[in-house]
Every structure is written in C-alpha cells, then in structure tokens.
PDB file of all heavy atoms in Angstrom:
ATOM      1  N   PRO A   1    -124.454 -73.066 -54.068  1.00  0.00           N
ATOM      2  CA  PRO A   1    -124.696 -72.283 -52.722  1.00  0.00           C
ATOM      3  C   PRO A   1    -123.375 -72.138 -51.998  1.00  0.00           C
ATOM      4  O   PRO A   1    -122.418 -73.000 -52.211  1.00  0.00           O
ATOM      5  CB  PRO A   1    -125.580 -73.202 -51.921  1.00  0.00           C
ATOM      6  CG  PRO A   1    -126.222 -74.115 -52.955  1.00  0.00           C
ATOM      7  CD  PRO A   1    -125.286 -74.240 -54.044  1.00  0.00           C
ATOM      8  N   TYR A   2    -123.243 -71.222 -51.132  1.00  0.00           N
ATOM      9  CA  TYR A   2    -122.017 -70.913 -50.505  1.00  0.00           C
ATOM     10  C   TYR A   2    -121.424 -72.088 -49.686  1.00  0.00           C
ATOM     11  O   TYR A   2    -120.221 -72.409 -49.866  1.00  0.00           O
ATOM     12  CB  TYR A   2    -122.304 -69.781 -49.407  1.00  0.00           C
ATOM     13  CG  TYR A   2    -121.193 -69.361 -48.527  1.00  0.00           C
ATOM     14  CD1 TYR A   2    -120.154 -68.564 -49.103  1.00  0.00           C
ATOM     15  CD2 TYR A   2    -120.994 -69.876 -47.283  1.00  0.00           C
ATOM     16  CE1 TYR A   2    -119.117 -68.205 -48.212  1.00  0.00           C
ATOM     17  CE2 TYR A   2    -119.938 -69.550 -46.406  1.00  0.00           C
ATOM     18  CZ  TYR A   2    -118.917 -68.747 -47.002  1.00  0.00           C
ATOM     19  OH  TYR A   2    -117.831 -68.352 -46.206  1.00  0.00           O
ATOM     20  N   GLU A   3    -122.374 -72.927 -49.071  1.00  0.00           N
ATOM     21  CA  GLU A   3    -121.811 -73.993 -48.288  1.00  0.00           C
ATOM     22  C   GLU A   3    -121.195 -75.142 -49.201  1.00  0.00           C
ATOM     23  O   GLU A   3    -120.281 -75.707 -48.875  1.00  0.00           O
ATOM     24  CB  GLU A   3    -122.983 -74.664 -47.501  1.00  0.00           C
ATOM     25  CG  GLU A   3    -123.478 -73.801 -46.357  1.00  0.00           C
ATOM     26  CD  GLU A   3    -124.406 -72.638 -46.804  1.00  0.00           C
ATOM     27  OE1 GLU A   3    -124.893 -72.662 -48.043  1.00  0.00           O
ATOM     28  OE2 GLU A   3    -124.658 -71.710 -46.026  1.00  0.00           O
ATOM     29  N   GLU A   4    -121.849 -75.281 -50.363  1.00  0.00           N
ATOM     30  CA  GLU A   4    -121.285 -76.285 -51.325  1.00  0.00           C
ATOM     31  C   GLU A   4    -119.896 -75.804 -51.891  1.00  0.00           C
ATOM     32  O   GLU A   4    -119.039 -76.611 -52.196  1.00  0.00           O
ATOM     33  CB  GLU A   4    -122.265 -76.577 -52.371  1.00  0.00           C
ATOM     34  CG  GLU A   4    -123.467 -77.343 -51.959  1.00  0.00           C
ATOM     35  CD  GLU A   4    -124.345 -77.795 -53.054  1.00  0.00           C
ATOM     36  OE1 GLU A   4    -123.890 -78.240 -54.094  1.00  0.00           O
ATOM     37  OE2 GLU A   4    -125.617 -77.578 -52.942  1.00  0.00           O
ATOM     38  N   LYS A   5    -119.844 -74.537 -52.124  1.00  0.00           N
ATOM     39  CA  LYS A   5    -118.509 -73.969 -52.596  1.00  0.00           C
ATOM     40  C   LYS A   5    -117.433 -74.249 -51.522  1.00  0.00           C
ATOM     41  O   LYS A   5    -116.368 -74.753 -51.877  1.00  0.00           O
ATOM     42  CB  LYS A   5    -118.674 -72.499 -52.894  1.00  0.00           C
ATOM     43  CG  LYS A   5    -119.392 -72.217 -54.049  1.00  0.00           C
ATOM     44  CD  LYS A   5    -119.512 -70.650 -54.216  1.00  0.00           C
ATOM     45  CE  LYS A   5    -120.178 -70.121 -55.441  1.00  0.00           C
ATOM     46  NZ  LYS A   5    -120.273 -68.815 -55.642  1.00  0.00           N
ATOM     47  N   ILE A   6    -117.734 -74.037 -50.232  1.00  0.00           N
ATOM     48  CA  ILE A   6    -116.804 -74.296 -49.114  1.00  0.00           C
ATOM     49  C   ILE A   6    -116.415 -75.801 -49.151  1.00  0.00           C
ATOM     50  O   ILE A   6    -115.142 -76.171 -49.091  1.00  0.00           O
ATOM     51  CB  ILE A   6    -117.335 -73.790 -47.815  1.00  0.00           C
ATOM     52  CG1 ILE A   6    -117.459 -72.291 -47.844  1.00  0.00           C
ATOM     53  CG2 ILE A   6    -116.434 -74.276 -46.649  1.00  0.00           C
ATOM     54  CD1 ILE A   6    -116.161 -71.517 -47.906  1.00  0.00           C
ATOM     55  N   TYR A   7    -117.362 -76.642 -49.215  1.00  0.00           N
ATOM     56  CA  TYR A   7    -117.186 -78.053 -49.158  1.00  0.00           C
ATOM     57  C   TYR A   7    -116.311 -78.546 -50.361  1.00  0.00           C
ATOM     58  O   TYR A   7    -115.348 -79.270 -50.186  1.00  0.00           O
ATOM     59  CB  TYR A   7    -118.537 -78.769 -49.196  1.00  0.00           C
ATOM     60  CG  TYR A   7    -118.356 -80.331 -49.179  1.00  0.00           C
ATOM     61  CD1 TYR A   7    -118.150 -80.934 -47.977  1.00  0.00           C
ATOM     62  CD2 TYR A   7    -118.407 -81.049 -50.355  1.00  0.00           C
ATOM     63  CE1 TYR A   7    -118.015 -82.385 -47.819  1.00  0.00           C
ATOM     64  CE2 TYR A   7    -118.153 -82.485 -50.281  1.00  0.00           C
ATOM     65  CZ  TYR A   7    -118.007 -83.060 -49.033  1.00  0.00           C
ATOM     66  OH  TYR A   7    -117.876 -84.504 -49.003  1.00  0.00           O
ATOM     67  N   THR A   8    -116.579 -77.993 -51.510  1.00  0.00           N
ATOM     68  CA  THR A   8    -115.768 -78.251 -52.710  1.00  0.00           C
ATOM     69  C   THR A   8    -114.384 -77.938 -52.469  1.00  0.00           C
ATOM     70  O   THR A   8    -113.458 -78.653 -52.868  1.00  0.00           O
ATOM     71  CB  THR A   8    -116.328 -77.672 -54.009  1.00  0.00           C
ATOM     72  OG1 THR A   8    -117.702 -78.068 -54.131  1.00  0.00           O
ATOM     73  CG2 THR A   8    -115.555 -77.905 -55.249  1.00  0.00           C
ATOM     74  N   LEU A   9    -114.197 -76.632 -52.013  1.00  0.00           N
ATOM     75  CA  LEU A   9    -112.839 -76.202 -51.792  1.00  0.00           C
ATOM     76  C   LEU A   9    -111.981 -77.102 -50.824  1.00  0.00           C
ATOM     77  O   LEU A   9    -110.983 -77.553 -51.043  1.00  0.00           O
ATOM     78  CB  LEU A   9    -112.823 -74.757 -51.247  1.00  0.00           C
ATOM     79  CG  LEU A   9    -112.966 -73.717 -52.137  1.00  0.00           C
ATOM     80  CD1 LEU A   9    -113.143 -72.373 -51.411  1.00  0.00           C
ATOM     81  CD2 LEU A   9    -111.787 -73.526 -53.102  1.00  0.00           C
ATOM     82  N   VAL A  10    -112.679 -77.437 -49.704  1.00  0.00           N
ATOM     83  CA  VAL A  10    -112.010 -78.170 -48.659  1.00  0.00           C
ATOM     84  C   VAL A  10    -111.740 -79.719 -49.123  1.00  0.00           C
ATOM     85  O   VAL A  10    -110.676 -80.217 -48.883  1.00  0.00           O
ATOM     86  CB  VAL A  10    -112.841 -78.225 -47.409  1.00  0.00           C
ATOM     87  CG1 VAL A  10    -112.313 -79.224 -46.320  1.00  0.00           C
ATOM     88  CG2 VAL A  10    -112.965 -76.808 -46.706  1.00  0.00           C
ATOM     89  N   MET A  11    -112.635 -80.238 -49.831  1.00  0.00           N
ATOM     90  CA  MET A  11    -112.489 -81.623 -50.209  1.00  0.00           C
ATOM     91  C   MET A  11    -111.770 -81.902 -51.531  1.00  0.00           C
ATOM     92  O   MET A  11    -111.157 -82.973 -51.698  1.00  0.00           O
ATOM     93  CB  MET A  11    -113.943 -82.252 -50.342  1.00  0.00           C
ATOM     94  CG  MET A  11    -114.621 -82.210 -49.021  1.00  0.00           C
ATOM     95  SD  MET A  11    -113.722 -82.964 -47.614  1.00  0.00           S
ATOM     96  CE  MET A  11    -113.786 -84.734 -48.094  1.00  0.00           C
ATOM     97  N   ASN A  12    -111.789 -80.939 -52.492  1.00  0.00           N
ATOM     98  CA  ASN A  12    -111.324 -81.198 -53.775  1.00  0.00           C
ATOM     99  C   ASN A  12    -110.287 -80.250 -54.412  1.00  0.00           C
ATOM    100  O   ASN A  12    -109.769 -80.565 -55.444  1.00  0.00           O
ATOM    101  CB  ASN A  12    -112.479 -81.148 -54.723  1.00  0.00           C
ATOM    102  CG  ASN A  12    -113.619 -82.238 -54.301  1.00  0.00           C
ATOM    103  OD1 ASN A  12    -113.299 -83.327 -54.155  1.00  0.00           O
ATOM    104  ND2 ASN A  12    -114.806 -81.752 -54.249  1.00  0.00           N
ATOM    105  N   CYS A  13    -109.983 -79.249 -53.701  1.00  0.00           N
ATOM    106  CA  CYS A  13    -109.056 -78.247 -54.295  1.00  0.00           C
ATOM    107  C   CYS A  13    -107.747 -78.224 -53.613  1.00  0.00           C
ATOM    108  O   CYS A  13    -107.540 -78.543 -52.525  1.00  0.00           O
ATOM    109  CB  CYS A  13    -109.695 -76.827 -54.185  1.00  0.00           C
ATOM    110  SG  CYS A  13    -111.173 -76.702 -55.142  1.00  0.00           S
ATOM    111  N   SER A  14    -106.778 -77.732 -54.391  1.00  0.00           N
ATOM    112  CA  SER A  14    -105.417 -77.596 -53.933  1.00  0.00           C
ATOM    113  C   SER A  14    -105.028 -76.073 -53.832  1.00  0.00           C
ATOM    114  O   SER A  14    -105.329 -75.359 -54.761  1.00  0.00           O
ATOM    115  CB  SER A  14    -104.410 -78.218 -54.870  1.00  0.00           C
ATOM    116  OG  SER A  14    -104.626 -79.553 -54.980  1.00  0.00           O
ATOM    117  N   PHE A  15    -104.636 -75.623 -52.661  1.00  0.00           N
ATOM    118  CA  PHE A  15    -104.254 -74.251 -52.606  1.00  0.00           C
ATOM    119  C   PHE A  15    -102.997 -73.926 -53.395  1.00  0.00           C
ATOM    120  O   PHE A  15    -101.994 -74.662 -53.423  1.00  0.00           O
ATOM    121  CB  PHE A  15    -103.911 -73.906 -51.053  1.00  0.00           C
ATOM    122  CG  PHE A  15    -103.418 -72.593 -50.837  1.00  0.00           C
ATOM    123  CD1 PHE A  15    -104.266 -71.475 -50.766  1.00  0.00           C
ATOM    124  CD2 PHE A  15    -102.024 -72.437 -50.601  1.00  0.00           C
ATOM    125  CE1 PHE A  15    -103.713 -70.204 -50.545  1.00  0.00           C
ATOM    126  CE2 PHE A  15    -101.520 -71.181 -50.307  1.00  0.00           C
ATOM    127  CZ  PHE A  15    -102.430 -70.029 -50.351  1.00  0.00           C
ATOM    128  N   ILE A  16    -102.969 -72.797 -54.018  1.00  0.00           N
ATOM    129  CA  ILE A  16    -101.842 -72.367 -54.921  1.00  0.00           C
ATOM    130  C   ILE A  16    -101.013 -71.198 -54.260  1.00  0.00           C
ATOM    131  O   ILE A  16     -99.938 -71.324 -54.015  1.00  0.00           O
ATOM    132  CB  ILE A  16    -102.336 -71.982 -56.273  1.00  0.00           C
ATOM    133  CG1 ILE A  16    -103.188 -73.023 -57.022  1.00  0.00           C
ATOM    134  CG2 ILE A  16    -101.114 -71.429 -57.202  1.00  0.00           C
ATOM    135  CD1 ILE A  16    -102.342 -74.262 -57.419  1.00  0.00           C
ATOM    136  N   ASN A  17    -101.771 -70.162 -54.023  1.00  0.00           N
ATOM    137  CA  ASN A  17    -101.110 -68.951 -53.477  1.00  0.00           C
ATOM    138  C   ASN A  17    -102.003 -67.852 -52.979  1.00  0.00           C
ATOM    139  O   ASN A  17    -103.316 -68.068 -53.301  1.00  0.00           O
ATOM    140  CB  ASN A  17    -100.150 -68.292 -54.579  1.00  0.00           C
ATOM    141  CG  ASN A  17     -99.112 -67.441 -53.995  1.00  0.00           C
ATOM    142  OD1 ASN A  17     -98.969 -67.255 -52.852  1.00  0.00           O
ATOM    143  ND2 ASN A  17     -98.311 -66.835 -54.928  1.00  0.00           N
ATOM    144  N   SER A  18    -101.570 -66.928 -52.217  1.00  0.00           N
ATOM    145  CA  SER A  18    -102.350 -65.700 -51.799  1.00  0.00           C
ATOM    146  C   SER A  18    -101.720 -64.458 -52.279  1.00  0.00           C
ATOM    147  O   SER A  18    -100.514 -64.390 -52.361  1.00  0.00           O
ATOM    148  CB  SER A  18    -102.454 -65.777 -50.243  1.00  0.00           C
ATOM    149  OG  SER A  18    -103.180 -66.721 -49.771  1.00  0.00           O
ATOM    150  N   ILE A  19    -102.595 -63.515 -52.519  1.00  0.00           N
ATOM    151  CA  ILE A  19    -102.124 -62.111 -52.846  1.00  0.00           C
ATOM    152  C   ILE A  19    -102.984 -61.120 -52.127  1.00  0.00           C
ATOM    153  O   ILE A  19    -104.100 -61.481 -51.602  1.00  0.00           O
ATOM    154  CB  ILE A  19    -102.241 -61.847 -54.404  1.00  0.00           C
ATOM    155  CG1 ILE A  19    -103.635 -62.020 -54.842  1.00  0.00           C
ATOM    156  CG2 ILE A  19    -101.304 -62.786 -55.101  1.00  0.00           C
ATOM    157  CD1 ILE A  19    -103.787 -61.532 -56.329  1.00  0.00           C
ATOM    158  N   ASN A  20    -102.470 -59.921 -51.986  1.00  0.00           N
ATOM    159  CA  ASN A  20    -103.281 -58.859 -51.555  1.00  0.00           C
ATOM    160  C   ASN A  20    -103.751 -58.068 -52.737  1.00  0.00           C
ATOM    161  O   ASN A  20    -102.903 -57.675 -53.629  1.00  0.00           O
ATOM    162  CB  ASN A  20    -102.455 -57.936 -50.640  1.00  0.00           C
ATOM    163  CG  ASN A  20    -102.260 -58.608 -49.377  1.00  0.00           C
ATOM    164  OD1 ASN A  20    -103.042 -59.221 -48.693  1.00  0.00           O
ATOM    165  ND2 ASN A  20    -100.914 -58.492 -48.819  1.00  0.00           N
ATOM    166  N   TYR A  21    -105.035 -57.826 -52.835  1.00  0.00           N
ATOM    167  CA  TYR A  21    -105.680 -57.224 -54.055  1.00  0.00           C
ATOM    168  C   TYR A  21    -106.727 -56.295 -53.593  1.00  0.00           C
ATOM    169  O   TYR A  21    -107.787 -56.707 -53.009  1.00  0.00           O
ATOM    170  CB  TYR A  21    -106.172 -58.331 -54.988  1.00  0.00           C
ATOM    171  CG  TYR A  21    -106.648 -57.906 -56.247  1.00  0.00           C
ATOM    172  CD1 TYR A  21    -105.742 -57.587 -57.280  1.00  0.00           C
ATOM    173  CD2 TYR A  21    -108.033 -57.842 -56.577  1.00  0.00           C
ATOM    174  CE1 TYR A  21    -106.198 -57.200 -58.544  1.00  0.00           C
ATOM    175  CE2 TYR A  21    -108.492 -57.527 -57.831  1.00  0.00           C
ATOM    176  CZ  TYR A  21    -107.592 -57.161 -58.805  1.00  0.00           C
ATOM    177  OH  TYR A  21    -107.997 -56.803 -60.023  1.00  0.00           O
ATOM    178  N   TYR A  22    -106.565 -54.982 -53.799  1.00  0.00           N
ATOM    179  CA  TYR A  22    -107.569 -53.991 -53.417  1.00  0.00           C
ATOM    180  C   TYR A  22    -108.078 -54.141 -51.989  1.00  0.00           C
ATOM    181  O   TYR A  22    -109.233 -54.358 -51.627  1.00  0.00           O
ATOM    182  CB  TYR A  22    -108.785 -54.013 -54.345  1.00  0.00           C
ATOM    183  CG  TYR A  22    -108.404 -53.528 -55.769  1.00  0.00           C
ATOM    184  CD1 TYR A  22    -108.317 -54.327 -56.741  1.00  0.00           C
ATOM    185  CD2 TYR A  22    -108.239 -52.128 -55.936  1.00  0.00           C
ATOM    186  CE1 TYR A  22    -108.000 -53.840 -58.113  1.00  0.00           C
ATOM    187  CE2 TYR A  22    -107.884 -51.635 -57.129  1.00  0.00           C
ATOM    188  CZ  TYR A  22    -107.766 -52.472 -58.277  1.00  0.00           C
ATOM    189  OH  TYR A  22    -107.382 -51.984 -59.539  1.00  0.00           O
ATOM    190  N   ASN A  23    -107.132 -54.252 -51.006  1.00  0.00           N
ATOM    191  CA  ASN A  23    -107.391 -54.307 -49.603  1.00  0.00           C
ATOM    192  C   ASN A  23    -108.093 -55.687 -49.156  1.00  0.00           C
ATOM    193  O   ASN A  23    -108.671 -55.686 -48.143  1.00  0.00           O
ATOM    194  CB  ASN A  23    -108.388 -53.113 -49.130  1.00  0.00           C
ATOM    195  CG  ASN A  23    -107.559 -51.805 -49.283  1.00  0.00           C
ATOM    196  OD1 ASN A  23    -106.308 -51.711 -49.100  1.00  0.00           O
ATOM    197  ND2 ASN A  23    -108.234 -50.819 -49.690  1.00  0.00           N
ATOM    198  N   GLN A  24    -108.014 -56.551 -50.025  1.00  0.00           N
ATOM    199  CA  GLN A  24    -108.518 -57.964 -49.636  1.00  0.00           C
ATOM    200  C   GLN A  24    -107.353 -58.979 -49.746  1.00  0.00           C
ATOM    201  O   GLN A  24    -106.472 -58.805 -50.550  1.00  0.00           O
ATOM    202  CB  GLN A  24    -109.623 -58.365 -50.592  1.00  0.00           C
ATOM    203  CG  GLN A  24    -110.926 -57.602 -50.327  1.00  0.00           C
ATOM    204  CD  GLN A  24    -112.069 -58.120 -51.128  1.00  0.00           C
ATOM    205  OE1 GLN A  24    -111.890 -58.524 -52.293  1.00  0.00           O
ATOM    206  NE2 GLN A  24    -113.197 -58.158 -50.519  1.00  0.00           N
ATOM    207  N   LYS A  25    -107.484 -59.933 -49.107  1.00  0.00           N
ATOM    208  CA  LYS A  25    -106.615 -61.140 -49.268  1.00  0.00           C
ATOM    209  C   LYS A  25    -107.321 -62.157 -50.216  1.00  0.00           C
ATOM    210  O   LYS A  25    -108.484 -62.388 -49.965  1.00  0.00           O
ATOM    211  CB  LYS A  25    -106.302 -61.830 -47.931  1.00  0.00           C
ATOM    212  CG  LYS A  25    -105.402 -63.086 -48.169  1.00  0.00           C
ATOM    213  CD  LYS A  25    -105.186 -63.784 -46.755  1.00  0.00           C
ATOM    214  CE  LYS A  25    -104.357 -64.983 -47.043  1.00  0.00           C
ATOM    215  NZ  LYS A  25    -104.800 -66.066 -46.165  1.00  0.00           N
ATOM    216  N   VAL A  26    -106.737 -62.531 -51.263  1.00  0.00           N
ATOM    217  CA  VAL A  26    -107.333 -63.385 -52.270  1.00  0.00           C
ATOM    218  C   VAL A  26    -106.560 -64.658 -52.368  1.00  0.00           C
ATOM    219  O   VAL A  26    -105.289 -64.641 -52.668  1.00  0.00           O
ATOM    220  CB  VAL A  26    -107.379 -62.737 -53.652  1.00  0.00           C
ATOM    221  CG1 VAL A  26    -108.186 -63.677 -54.557  1.00  0.00           C
ATOM    222  CG2 VAL A  26    -108.044 -61.409 -53.502  1.00  0.00           C
ATOM    223  N   ASP A  27    -107.140 -65.779 -52.074  1.00  0.00           N
ATOM    224  CA  ASP A  27    -106.472 -67.112 -52.150  1.00  0.00           C
ATOM    225  C   ASP A  27    -106.826 -67.742 -53.480  1.00  0.00           C
ATOM    226  O   ASP A  27    -107.959 -67.723 -53.886  1.00  0.00           O
ATOM    227  CB  ASP A  27    -106.888 -68.051 -51.112  1.00  0.00           C
ATOM    228  CG  ASP A  27    -106.421 -67.576 -49.670  1.00  0.00           C
ATOM    229  OD1 ASP A  27    -105.549 -66.856 -49.653  1.00  0.00           O
ATOM    230  OD2 ASP A  27    -107.038 -68.043 -48.688  1.00  0.00           O
ATOM    231  N   LEU A  28    -105.887 -68.407 -54.155  1.00  0.00           N
ATOM    232  CA  LEU A  28    -106.147 -69.097 -55.449  1.00  0.00           C
ATOM    233  C   LEU A  28    -106.108 -70.596 -55.132  1.00  0.00           C
ATOM    234  O   LEU A  28    -105.125 -71.032 -54.539  1.00  0.00           O
ATOM    235  CB  LEU A  28    -105.150 -68.657 -56.377  1.00  0.00           C
ATOM    236  CG  LEU A  28    -105.274 -69.305 -57.863  1.00  0.00           C
ATOM    237  CD1 LEU A  28    -106.510 -68.779 -58.509  1.00  0.00           C
ATOM    238  CD2 LEU A  28    -103.951 -69.081 -58.689  1.00  0.00           C
ATOM    239  N   TYR A  29    -107.015 -71.270 -55.568  1.00  0.00           N
ATOM    240  CA  TYR A  29    -107.123 -72.699 -55.515  1.00  0.00           C
ATOM    241  C   TYR A  29    -107.268 -73.340 -56.970  1.00  0.00           C
ATOM    242  O   TYR A  29    -107.730 -72.714 -57.827  1.00  0.00           O
ATOM    243  CB  TYR A  29    -108.415 -73.151 -54.652  1.00  0.00           C
ATOM    244  CG  TYR A  29    -108.303 -72.819 -53.240  1.00  0.00           C
ATOM    245  CD1 TYR A  29    -108.615 -71.520 -52.792  1.00  0.00           C
ATOM    246  CD2 TYR A  29    -107.811 -73.675 -52.211  1.00  0.00           C
ATOM    247  CE1 TYR A  29    -108.513 -71.118 -51.469  1.00  0.00           C
ATOM    248  CE2 TYR A  29    -107.737 -73.301 -50.997  1.00  0.00           C
ATOM    249  CZ  TYR A  29    -108.077 -72.075 -50.483  1.00  0.00           C
ATOM    250  OH  TYR A  29    -107.958 -71.771 -49.190  1.00  0.00           O
ATOM    251  N   HIS A  30    -106.795 -74.682 -57.001  1.00  0.00           N
ATOM    252  CA  HIS A  30    -106.917 -75.269 -58.266  1.00  0.00           C
ATOM    253  C   HIS A  30    -107.748 -76.595 -58.116  1.00  0.00           C
ATOM    254  O   HIS A  30    -107.586 -77.247 -57.181  1.00  0.00           O
ATOM    255  CB  HIS A  30    -105.466 -75.719 -58.792  1.00  0.00           C
ATOM    256  CG  HIS A  30    -105.525 -76.350 -60.022  1.00  0.00           C
ATOM    257  ND1 HIS A  30    -105.210 -77.713 -60.170  1.00  0.00           N
ATOM    258  CD2 HIS A  30    -105.797 -75.910 -61.374  1.00  0.00           C
ATOM    259  CE1 HIS A  30    -105.322 -78.123 -61.431  1.00  0.00           C
ATOM    260  NE2 HIS A  30    -105.699 -77.108 -62.152  1.00  0.00           N
ATOM    261  N   MET A  31    -108.667 -76.780 -59.167  1.00  0.00           N
ATOM    262  CA  MET A  31    -109.367 -78.053 -59.151  1.00  0.00           C
ATOM    263  C   MET A  31    -109.620 -78.450 -60.584  1.00  0.00           C
ATOM    264  O   MET A  31    -110.321 -77.667 -61.329  1.00  0.00           O
ATOM    265  CB  MET A  31    -110.731 -77.930 -58.385  1.00  0.00           C
ATOM    266  CG  MET A  31    -111.496 -79.240 -58.385  1.00  0.00           C
ATOM    267  SD  MET A  31    -113.021 -79.037 -57.374  1.00  0.00           S
ATOM    268  CE  MET A  31    -114.195 -78.675 -58.792  1.00  0.00           C
ATOM    269  N   GLY A  32    -109.215 -79.597 -60.921  1.00  0.00           N
ATOM    270  CA  GLY A  32    -109.389 -80.059 -62.293  1.00  0.00           C
ATOM    271  C   GLY A  32    -108.802 -79.136 -63.368  1.00  0.00           C
ATOM    272  O   GLY A  32    -107.659 -78.807 -63.395  1.00  0.00           O
ATOM    273  N   ASP A  33    -109.760 -78.564 -64.189  1.00  0.00           N
ATOM    274  CA  ASP A  33    -109.297 -77.662 -65.345  1.00  0.00           C
ATOM    275  C   ASP A  33    -109.609 -76.193 -65.057  1.00  0.00           C
ATOM    276  O   ASP A  33    -109.683 -75.408 -66.023  1.00  0.00           O
ATOM    277  CB  ASP A  33    -109.975 -78.152 -66.547  1.00  0.00           C
ATOM    278  CG  ASP A  33    -111.462 -78.116 -66.592  1.00  0.00           C
ATOM    279  OD1 ASP A  33    -112.026 -77.986 -65.487  1.00  0.00           O
ATOM    280  OD2 ASP A  33    -111.968 -78.234 -67.689  1.00  0.00           O
ATOM    281  N   PHE A  34    -109.814 -75.853 -63.743  1.00  0.00           N
ATOM    282  CA  PHE A  34    -110.054 -74.475 -63.497  1.00  0.00           C
ATOM    283  C   PHE A  34    -109.557 -73.986 -62.157  1.00  0.00           C
ATOM    284  O   PHE A  34    -109.165 -74.863 -61.356  1.00  0.00           O
ATOM    285  CB  PHE A  34    -111.601 -74.076 -63.632  1.00  0.00           C
ATOM    286  CG  PHE A  34    -112.446 -74.700 -62.616  1.00  0.00           C
ATOM    287  CD1 PHE A  34    -112.929 -73.943 -61.627  1.00  0.00           C
ATOM    288  CD2 PHE A  34    -112.912 -75.941 -62.631  1.00  0.00           C
ATOM    289  CE1 PHE A  34    -113.760 -74.331 -60.611  1.00  0.00           C
ATOM    290  CE2 PHE A  34    -113.717 -76.596 -61.711  1.00  0.00           C
ATOM    291  CZ  PHE A  34    -114.190 -75.625 -60.652  1.00  0.00           C
ATOM    292  N   PHE A  35    -109.562 -72.720 -62.004  1.00  0.00           N
ATOM    293  CA  PHE A  35    -109.053 -72.092 -60.766  1.00  0.00           C
ATOM    294  C   PHE A  35    -110.206 -71.340 -59.981  1.00  0.00           C
ATOM    295  O   PHE A  35    -111.155 -70.929 -60.593  1.00  0.00           O
ATOM    296  CB  PHE A  35    -107.911 -71.101 -61.013  1.00  0.00           C
ATOM    297  CG  PHE A  35    -106.712 -71.822 -61.585  1.00  0.00           C
ATOM    298  CD1 PHE A  35    -106.507 -71.975 -63.004  1.00  0.00           C
ATOM    299  CD2 PHE A  35    -105.660 -72.203 -60.789  1.00  0.00           C
ATOM    300  CE1 PHE A  35    -105.420 -72.458 -63.542  1.00  0.00           C
ATOM    301  CE2 PHE A  35    -104.570 -72.847 -61.286  1.00  0.00           C
ATOM    302  CZ  PHE A  35    -104.464 -72.981 -62.694  1.00  0.00           C
ATOM    303  N   ILE A  36    -110.062 -71.278 -58.710  1.00  0.00           N
ATOM    304  CA  ILE A  36    -111.065 -70.680 -57.865  1.00  0.00           C
ATOM    305  C   ILE A  36    -110.397 -69.647 -56.920  1.00  0.00           C
ATOM    306  O   ILE A  36    -109.297 -69.782 -56.467  1.00  0.00           O
ATOM    307  CB  ILE A  36    -111.798 -71.666 -56.909  1.00  0.00           C
ATOM    308  CG1 ILE A  36    -112.487 -72.830 -57.771  1.00  0.00           C
ATOM    309  CG2 ILE A  36    -112.742 -71.062 -55.969  1.00  0.00           C
ATOM    310  CD1 ILE A  36    -112.932 -73.964 -56.980  1.00  0.00           C
ATOM    311  N   GLU A  37    -111.017 -68.436 -56.874  1.00  0.00           N
ATOM    312  CA  GLU A  37    -110.559 -67.408 -55.980  1.00  0.00           C
ATOM    313  C   GLU A  37    -111.475 -67.246 -54.829  1.00  0.00           C
ATOM    314  O   GLU A  37    -112.725 -67.225 -55.024  1.00  0.00           O
ATOM    315  CB  GLU A  37    -110.454 -66.108 -56.707  1.00  0.00           C
ATOM    316  CG  GLU A  37    -109.386 -65.981 -57.785  1.00  0.00           C
ATOM    317  CD  GLU A  37    -109.347 -64.767 -58.552  1.00  0.00           C
ATOM    318  OE1 GLU A  37    -110.350 -64.339 -59.057  1.00  0.00           O
ATOM    319  OE2 GLU A  37    -108.211 -64.063 -58.646  1.00  0.00           O
ATOM    320  N   VAL A  38    -110.796 -67.015 -53.605  1.00  0.00           N
ATOM    321  CA  VAL A  38    -111.608 -66.717 -52.401  1.00  0.00           C
ATOM    322  C   VAL A  38    -111.092 -65.394 -51.933  1.00  0.00           C
ATOM    323  O   VAL A  38    -109.900 -65.156 -51.641  1.00  0.00           O
ATOM    324  CB  VAL A  38    -111.291 -67.926 -51.357  1.00  0.00           C
ATOM    325  CG1 VAL A  38    -111.991 -67.493 -50.031  1.00  0.00           C
ATOM    326  CG2 VAL A  38    -111.678 -69.195 -51.863  1.00  0.00           C
ATOM    327  N   PHE A  39    -112.111 -64.452 -51.984  1.00  0.00           N
ATOM    328  CA  PHE A  39    -111.757 -62.997 -51.577  1.00  0.00           C
ATOM    329  C   PHE A  39    -112.117 -62.898 -50.050  1.00  0.00           C
ATOM    330  O   PHE A  39    -113.350 -63.038 -49.702  1.00  0.00           O
ATOM    331  CB  PHE A  39    -112.655 -62.029 -52.398  1.00  0.00           C
ATOM    332  CG  PHE A  39    -112.253 -62.026 -53.878  1.00  0.00           C
ATOM    333  CD1 PHE A  39    -112.718 -62.986 -54.709  1.00  0.00           C
ATOM    334  CD2 PHE A  39    -111.340 -60.996 -54.206  1.00  0.00           C
ATOM    335  CE1 PHE A  39    -112.245 -62.936 -55.972  1.00  0.00           C
ATOM    336  CE2 PHE A  39    -110.944 -60.973 -55.614  1.00  0.00           C
ATOM    337  CZ  PHE A  39    -111.445 -61.959 -56.477  1.00  0.00           C
ATOM    338  N   TYR A  40    -111.130 -62.543 -49.240  1.00  0.00           N
ATOM    339  CA  TYR A  40    -111.263 -62.473 -47.833  1.00  0.00           C
ATOM    340  C   TYR A  40    -111.039 -61.071 -47.358  1.00  0.00           C
ATOM    341  O   TYR A  40    -110.009 -60.456 -47.762  1.00  0.00           O
ATOM    342  CB  TYR A  40    -110.386 -63.432 -47.116  1.00  0.00           C
ATOM    343  CG  TYR A  40    -110.355 -63.301 -45.627  1.00  0.00           C
ATOM    344  CD1 TYR A  40    -111.294 -63.808 -44.893  1.00  0.00           C
ATOM    345  CD2 TYR A  40    -109.269 -62.677 -44.990  1.00  0.00           C
ATOM    346  CE1 TYR A  40    -111.326 -63.669 -43.444  1.00  0.00           C
ATOM    347  CE2 TYR A  40    -109.238 -62.447 -43.614  1.00  0.00           C
ATOM    348  CZ  TYR A  40    -110.282 -63.023 -42.848  1.00  0.00           C
ATOM    349  OH  TYR A  40    -110.240 -62.906 -41.430  1.00  0.00           O
TER     350      TYR A  40
END
C-alpha cells in the first residue's frame, strides 16, 4: 500500500539522484538489491 511504500522509503532507502522526465520530477532511491523511483 502507498503508506507502506512511503514508510519504507523514509526508513530504509538512500536517495541517489533526481531527474526531470516527461514533465515530472523523478527521484531515485536505493535499498538493498534494487532501486525505487518516485514520480512527482
């Protein structure tokens, strides 16, 4: 669920970088063996 994704990001992930992609800001996070994108 959305709330658990947010909690996981805040508690367990490291911010890598942001890009602009198709009129959105996309943040990349790293956790363990995978990466997570947040489209804003």
